[in-house]
Amino acid sequence: MGARRPARVLTIAGSDSSGGAGIQADLKTMLALGAHGMSVVTAVTAQNSRGVEGVWPLPAEAVAAQFRAVVDDIGVDAVKLGMLGTTEIARTVADLLDGLDPAVPVVVDPVAASKHGDRLLSGGAFGIVRARILPRATVVTPNLDEAERLTGRQVRTRDEMREAASVLLGGGARWVLVKGGHLGGAESNDLLSGNGAEHWYTARRESNRHTHGTGCTLASAIAVKLAQGLAMPGAVAGAKEYVTGAIAAGFPLGSGTGPVDHGFRIKAF
């Protein structure tokens, strides 16, 4: 008899050549949390600790072929969406999600720009995310800037986070996690809204500046926890605990912003 199969989690995102974010961060997170990670690459990027130097989207047919190869043979227990890039790719991914079993959780990280401000999503693609992908989202995880773009309103206070979550829930997402990391202060406060309730998650704000890949890592961790059977509030709590530790252990790499440490729990040195 073989070993028990781990939860199967599929990431649909861009490749980060520096290894700190995107597909690479997602797969590291999935491994660290005990899941089997699989990937659909939407774009290849040339980036490092200083920023993104180039982006090359893959053909939409390549994106669809990767998805079908995995889902039709191996199957998935959860899907995480990251960088989609172009309108054509966003439309293709929306079509693919329409055909996915509705019981499969979908975690949407609406990546619009890199940590350094490099644009990673076209205007047309953002419209498709809002109109077609959010209604399929089990949870969407915008930071404050992404919440502003998705809702068209300012999101800079806790009350405005509540208002943004309400708008996004009205747009079809089942749950919304508005990340308040950009609010500043000694603590980071995130708001989870859905199912008629709200949950606030408070974590200490680490002084470590090496935080490349934080958003990708959090969304992937939530996807893993959902695939492993946790209800949403517990899945977010577990994911937040992991990310907080990964940020605290982030390390310098290159001359800019280093990555969070996805393997901080399993290092033997």
Protein backbone atom coordinates (compact mmCIF):
# COMPACT_ATOMS: atom_id res chain seq x y z
CA MET A 1 0.00 0.00 0.00
CA GLY A 2 1.37 3.42 -0.96
CA ALA A 3 1.56 6.49 1.21
CA ARG A 4 -1.55 8.63 1.65
CA ARG A 5 -1.93 11.20 -1.11
CA PRO A 6 -1.38 14.81 -0.02
CA ALA A 7 -3.78 17.59 -0.93
CA ARG A 8 -3.40 18.64 -4.57
CA VAL A 9 -3.11 22.41 -5.09
CA LEU A 10 -2.75 24.10 -8.47
CA THR A 11 -1.25 27.55 -8.88
CA ILE A 12 -1.97 29.62 -11.98
CA ALA A 13 0.56 32.45 -11.97
CA GLY A 14 3.70 33.96 -13.44
CA SER A 15 7.23 32.67 -13.01
CA ASP A 16 9.61 34.74 -10.86
CA SER A 17 13.20 34.12 -11.96
CA SER A 18 14.49 35.30 -8.56
CA GLY A 19 12.54 32.53 -6.79
CA GLY A 20 10.86 34.78 -4.25
CA ALA A 21 7.35 35.24 -5.59
CA GLY A 22 4.99 33.85 -8.24
CA ILE A 23 5.02 30.18 -9.16
CA GLN A 24 8.22 29.57 -7.22
CA ALA A 25 6.86 31.02 -3.97
CA ASP A 26 3.59 29.15 -4.43
CA LEU A 27 5.24 25.76 -4.86
CA LYS A 28 7.58 26.33 -1.92
CA THR A 29 4.64 27.25 0.27
CA MET A 30 2.66 24.20 -0.78
CA LEU A 31 5.57 21.89 -0.03
CA ALA A 32 6.23 23.53 3.34
CA LEU A 33 2.59 23.05 4.36
CA GLY A 34 2.33 19.43 3.27
CA ALA A 35 0.53 19.73 -0.07
CA HIS A 36 1.47 18.58 -3.57
CA GLY A 37 1.88 21.71 -5.66
CA MET A 38 1.23 21.86 -9.42
CA SER A 39 1.51 24.81 -11.77
CA VAL A 40 0.12 26.59 -14.79
CA VAL A 41 2.63 29.24 -15.87
CA THR A 42 0.97 32.33 -17.37
CA ALA A 43 4.08 34.40 -18.00
CA VAL A 44 7.84 34.34 -17.68
CA THR A 45 9.39 37.31 -15.93
CA ALA A 46 12.98 38.46 -15.61
CA GLN A 47 13.21 39.89 -12.12
CA ASN A 48 15.49 40.14 -9.15
CA SER A 49 15.66 41.85 -5.77
CA ARG A 50 15.46 45.27 -7.46
CA GLY A 51 12.38 44.77 -9.62
CA VAL A 52 10.94 43.33 -12.80
CA GLU A 53 13.12 43.77 -15.88
CA GLY A 54 10.90 42.04 -18.41
CA VAL A 55 7.61 40.13 -18.81
CA TRP A 56 6.75 37.62 -21.55
CA PRO A 57 3.18 36.26 -21.42
CA LEU A 58 2.66 32.71 -22.63
CA PRO A 59 0.18 31.97 -25.43
CA ALA A 60 -3.33 31.40 -24.10
CA GLU A 61 -3.38 27.92 -25.63
CA ALA A 62 -0.30 27.00 -23.58
CA VAL A 63 -2.06 28.15 -20.42
CA ALA A 64 -5.16 26.11 -21.26
CA ALA A 65 -3.09 23.03 -22.17
CA GLN A 66 -1.22 23.11 -18.84
CA PHE A 67 -4.50 23.37 -16.94
CA ARG A 68 -6.18 20.54 -18.81
CA ALA A 69 -3.13 18.27 -18.50
CA VAL A 70 -3.22 18.59 -14.71
CA VAL A 71 -6.95 18.73 -14.00
CA ASP A 72 -8.02 15.99 -16.40
CA ASP A 73 -5.47 13.46 -15.14
CA ILE A 74 -4.38 14.32 -11.60
CA GLY A 75 -7.26 16.44 -10.35
CA VAL A 76 -7.14 19.35 -7.91
CA ASP A 77 -8.35 20.03 -4.38
CA ALA A 78 -7.83 23.81 -4.58
CA VAL A 79 -6.69 26.42 -7.09
CA LYS A 80 -4.72 29.60 -6.43
CA LEU A 81 -4.70 32.41 -9.01
CA GLY A 82 -1.92 34.97 -9.17
CA MET A 83 -0.54 36.99 -12.07
CA LEU A 84 -2.69 36.68 -15.21
CA GLY A 85 -1.12 39.50 -17.20
CA THR A 86 -3.10 39.89 -20.39
CA THR A 87 -6.74 40.13 -21.32
CA GLU A 88 -6.51 36.97 -23.41
CA ILE A 89 -5.00 34.94 -20.59
CA ALA A 90 -7.50 36.28 -18.06
CA ARG A 91 -10.38 35.34 -20.38
CA THR A 92 -8.91 31.87 -20.92
CA VAL A 93 -8.52 31.29 -17.18
CA ALA A 94 -12.09 32.48 -16.58
CA ASP A 95 -13.32 29.95 -19.16
CA LEU A 96 -11.31 27.19 -17.48
CA LEU A 97 -12.69 28.04 -14.05
CA ASP A 98 -16.23 27.97 -15.46
CA GLY A 99 -15.68 24.28 -16.24
CA LEU A 100 -14.12 23.41 -12.89
CA ASP A 101 -16.08 21.51 -10.24
CA PRO A 102 -17.84 24.25 -8.20
CA ALA A 103 -16.80 22.44 -5.00
CA VAL A 104 -13.10 23.14 -5.68
CA PRO A 105 -11.98 26.21 -3.70
CA VAL A 106 -10.47 29.04 -5.77
CA VAL A 107 -8.22 31.59 -4.04
CA VAL A 108 -7.75 34.75 -6.11
CA ASP A 109 -4.76 37.00 -5.43
CA PRO A 110 -5.58 39.93 -7.77
CA VAL A 111 -1.97 40.77 -8.60
CA ALA A 112 -1.81 44.11 -10.39
CA ALA A 113 1.77 45.19 -9.71
CA SER A 114 4.97 43.90 -8.18
CA LYS A 115 6.24 45.06 -4.78
CA HIS A 116 8.43 47.53 -6.68
CA GLY A 117 5.45 48.98 -8.59
CA ASP A 118 6.00 47.16 -11.88
CA ARG A 119 2.69 46.65 -13.66
CA LEU A 120 1.70 42.99 -14.03
CA LEU A 121 -1.93 43.15 -15.18
CA SER A 122 -3.47 44.99 -18.13
CA GLY A 123 -6.56 47.12 -17.73
CA GLY A 124 -8.62 44.75 -19.83
CA ALA A 125 -7.50 41.78 -17.79
CA PHE A 126 -8.45 43.56 -14.57
CA GLY A 127 -11.94 44.03 -15.95
CA ILE A 128 -12.24 40.31 -16.59
CA VAL A 129 -11.01 39.55 -13.08
CA ARG A 130 -13.73 41.81 -11.71
CA ALA A 131 -16.55 40.59 -13.98
CA ARG A 132 -15.86 36.88 -14.40
CA ILE A 133 -13.24 35.60 -11.96
CA LEU A 134 -14.41 37.22 -8.72
CA PRO A 135 -17.83 35.51 -8.99
CA ARG A 136 -15.98 32.16 -9.02
CA ALA A 137 -13.68 33.09 -6.14
CA THR A 138 -14.03 31.25 -2.87
CA VAL A 139 -11.90 34.06 -1.43
CA VAL A 140 -10.18 37.08 -2.98
CA THR A 141 -7.15 38.53 -1.17
CA PRO A 142 -6.49 42.14 -2.26
CA ASN A 143 -4.08 44.49 -0.55
CA LEU A 144 -5.28 48.06 -0.10
CA ASP A 145 -4.14 49.24 -3.54
CA GLU A 146 -5.77 46.25 -5.25
CA ALA A 147 -8.97 46.73 -3.25
CA GLU A 148 -9.09 50.35 -4.42
CA ARG A 149 -8.69 49.34 -8.03
CA LEU A 150 -11.27 46.57 -7.78
CA THR A 151 -13.87 48.75 -6.08
CA GLY A 152 -13.07 52.17 -7.50
CA ARG A 153 -13.02 53.75 -4.04
CA GLN A 154 -10.43 54.77 -1.47
CA VAL A 155 -9.39 52.07 1.00
CA ARG A 156 -7.12 53.55 3.69
CA THR A 157 -8.91 52.91 7.01
CA ARG A 158 -10.50 49.97 8.79
CA ASP A 159 -13.97 51.27 7.97
CA GLU A 160 -13.00 51.64 4.31
CA MET A 161 -11.70 48.07 4.39
CA ARG A 162 -15.16 46.97 5.54
CA GLU A 163 -16.79 48.97 2.76
CA ALA A 164 -14.47 47.50 0.13
CA ALA A 165 -15.13 43.97 1.37
CA SER A 166 -18.87 44.60 1.12
CA VAL A 167 -18.51 45.79 -2.49
CA LEU A 168 -16.46 42.75 -3.46
CA LEU A 169 -18.89 40.39 -1.77
CA GLY A 170 -21.62 42.09 -3.77
CA GLY A 171 -19.57 41.34 -6.89
CA GLY A 172 -19.86 37.61 -6.27
CA ALA A 173 -16.87 36.54 -4.17
CA ARG A 174 -17.90 34.24 -1.32
CA TRP A 175 -15.22 35.59 1.05
CA VAL A 176 -12.96 38.64 0.92
CA LEU A 177 -9.68 39.07 2.79
CA VAL A 178 -8.63 42.72 2.67
CA LYS A 179 -4.97 42.91 3.70
CA GLY A 180 -4.20 45.95 5.81
CA GLY A 181 -0.43 45.76 5.77
CA HIS A 182 -0.11 49.16 4.09
CA LEU A 183 -1.98 50.92 6.90
CA GLY A 184 1.20 51.13 8.95
CA GLY A 185 1.50 50.91 12.71
CA ALA A 186 3.04 48.35 15.05
CA GLU A 187 0.58 45.66 13.97
CA SER A 188 -0.81 44.44 10.67
CA ASN A 189 -4.59 44.02 10.58
CA ASP A 190 -6.38 41.99 7.91
CA LEU A 191 -10.16 41.76 7.53
CA LEU A 192 -11.94 38.57 6.43
CA SER A 193 -15.59 39.10 5.51
CA GLY A 194 -18.11 36.55 4.33
CA ASN A 195 -20.96 34.30 5.33
CA GLY A 196 -22.53 37.19 7.25
CA ALA A 197 -19.57 37.65 9.58
CA GLU A 198 -16.25 39.43 9.81
CA HIS A 199 -12.98 38.28 11.35
CA TRP A 200 -9.97 40.50 12.10
CA TYR A 201 -6.49 38.98 12.14
CA THR A 202 -3.79 40.90 13.94
CA ALA A 203 -0.10 40.07 13.63
CA ARG A 204 3.00 41.81 14.83
CA ARG A 205 4.68 43.91 12.18
CA GLU A 206 8.18 42.55 11.62
CA SER A 207 11.03 45.02 11.22
CA ASN A 208 12.56 42.75 8.59
CA ARG A 209 12.38 44.51 5.18
CA HIS A 210 12.87 41.30 3.20
CA THR A 211 9.25 40.61 2.28
CA HIS A 212 9.34 39.71 -1.41
CA GLY A 213 6.57 37.20 -2.16
CA THR A 214 4.34 37.89 0.84
CA GLY A 215 1.07 38.13 -1.09
CA CYS A 216 1.70 35.05 -3.21
CA THR A 217 2.71 33.10 -0.14
CA LEU A 218 -0.39 34.03 1.85
CA ALA A 219 -2.81 33.17 -0.96
CA SER A 220 -1.07 29.84 -1.57
CA ALA A 221 -1.11 29.01 2.14
CA ILE A 222 -4.85 29.69 2.27
CA ALA A 223 -5.37 27.42 -0.75
CA VAL A 224 -3.45 24.63 0.97
CA LYS A 225 -5.43 24.96 4.18
CA LEU A 226 -8.73 24.89 2.26
CA ALA A 227 -7.57 21.85 0.28
CA GLN A 228 -6.77 20.16 3.59
CA GLY A 229 -10.35 20.66 4.73
CA LEU A 230 -10.25 23.70 7.00
CA ALA A 231 -13.14 26.15 7.04
CA MET A 232 -12.29 29.64 5.80
CA PRO A 233 -11.64 31.44 9.12
CA GLY A 234 -9.33 28.65 10.29
CA ALA A 235 -7.63 28.42 6.89
CA VAL A 236 -6.82 32.14 6.98
CA ALA A 237 -5.61 31.92 10.58
CA GLY A 238 -3.27 29.04 9.75
CA ALA A 239 -2.01 30.78 6.62
CA LYS A 240 -1.39 34.01 8.51
CA GLU A 241 0.61 32.18 11.18
CA TYR A 242 2.82 30.61 8.52
CA VAL A 243 3.35 33.87 6.62
CA THR A 244 4.19 35.79 9.78
CA GLY A 245 6.94 33.28 10.52
CA ALA A 246 8.19 33.38 6.93
CA ILE A 247 8.40 37.18 7.02
CA ALA A 248 10.28 37.13 10.32
CA ALA A 249 12.80 34.74 8.76
CA GLY A 250 13.13 36.66 5.46
CA PHE A 251 16.72 37.03 4.37
CA PRO A 252 18.82 39.40 2.25
CA LEU A 253 19.34 38.38 -1.36
CA GLY A 254 20.87 40.62 -4.00
CA SER A 255 21.06 44.37 -3.51
CA GLY A 256 17.34 45.05 -3.01
CA THR A 257 14.45 43.38 -1.21
CA GLY A 258 15.03 39.75 -0.28
CA PRO A 259 12.36 37.04 -0.05
CA VAL A 260 10.41 35.66 2.85
CA ASP A 261 11.77 32.30 4.01
CA HIS A 262 9.28 29.63 2.92
CA GLY A 263 11.32 26.88 4.53
CA PHE A 264 11.78 28.45 7.96
CA ARG A 265 10.00 25.54 9.68
CA ILE A 266 12.01 22.79 8.06
CA LYS A 267 15.55 24.13 7.98
CA ALA A 268 18.13 21.96 9.68
CA PHE A 269 20.79 24.69 9.90
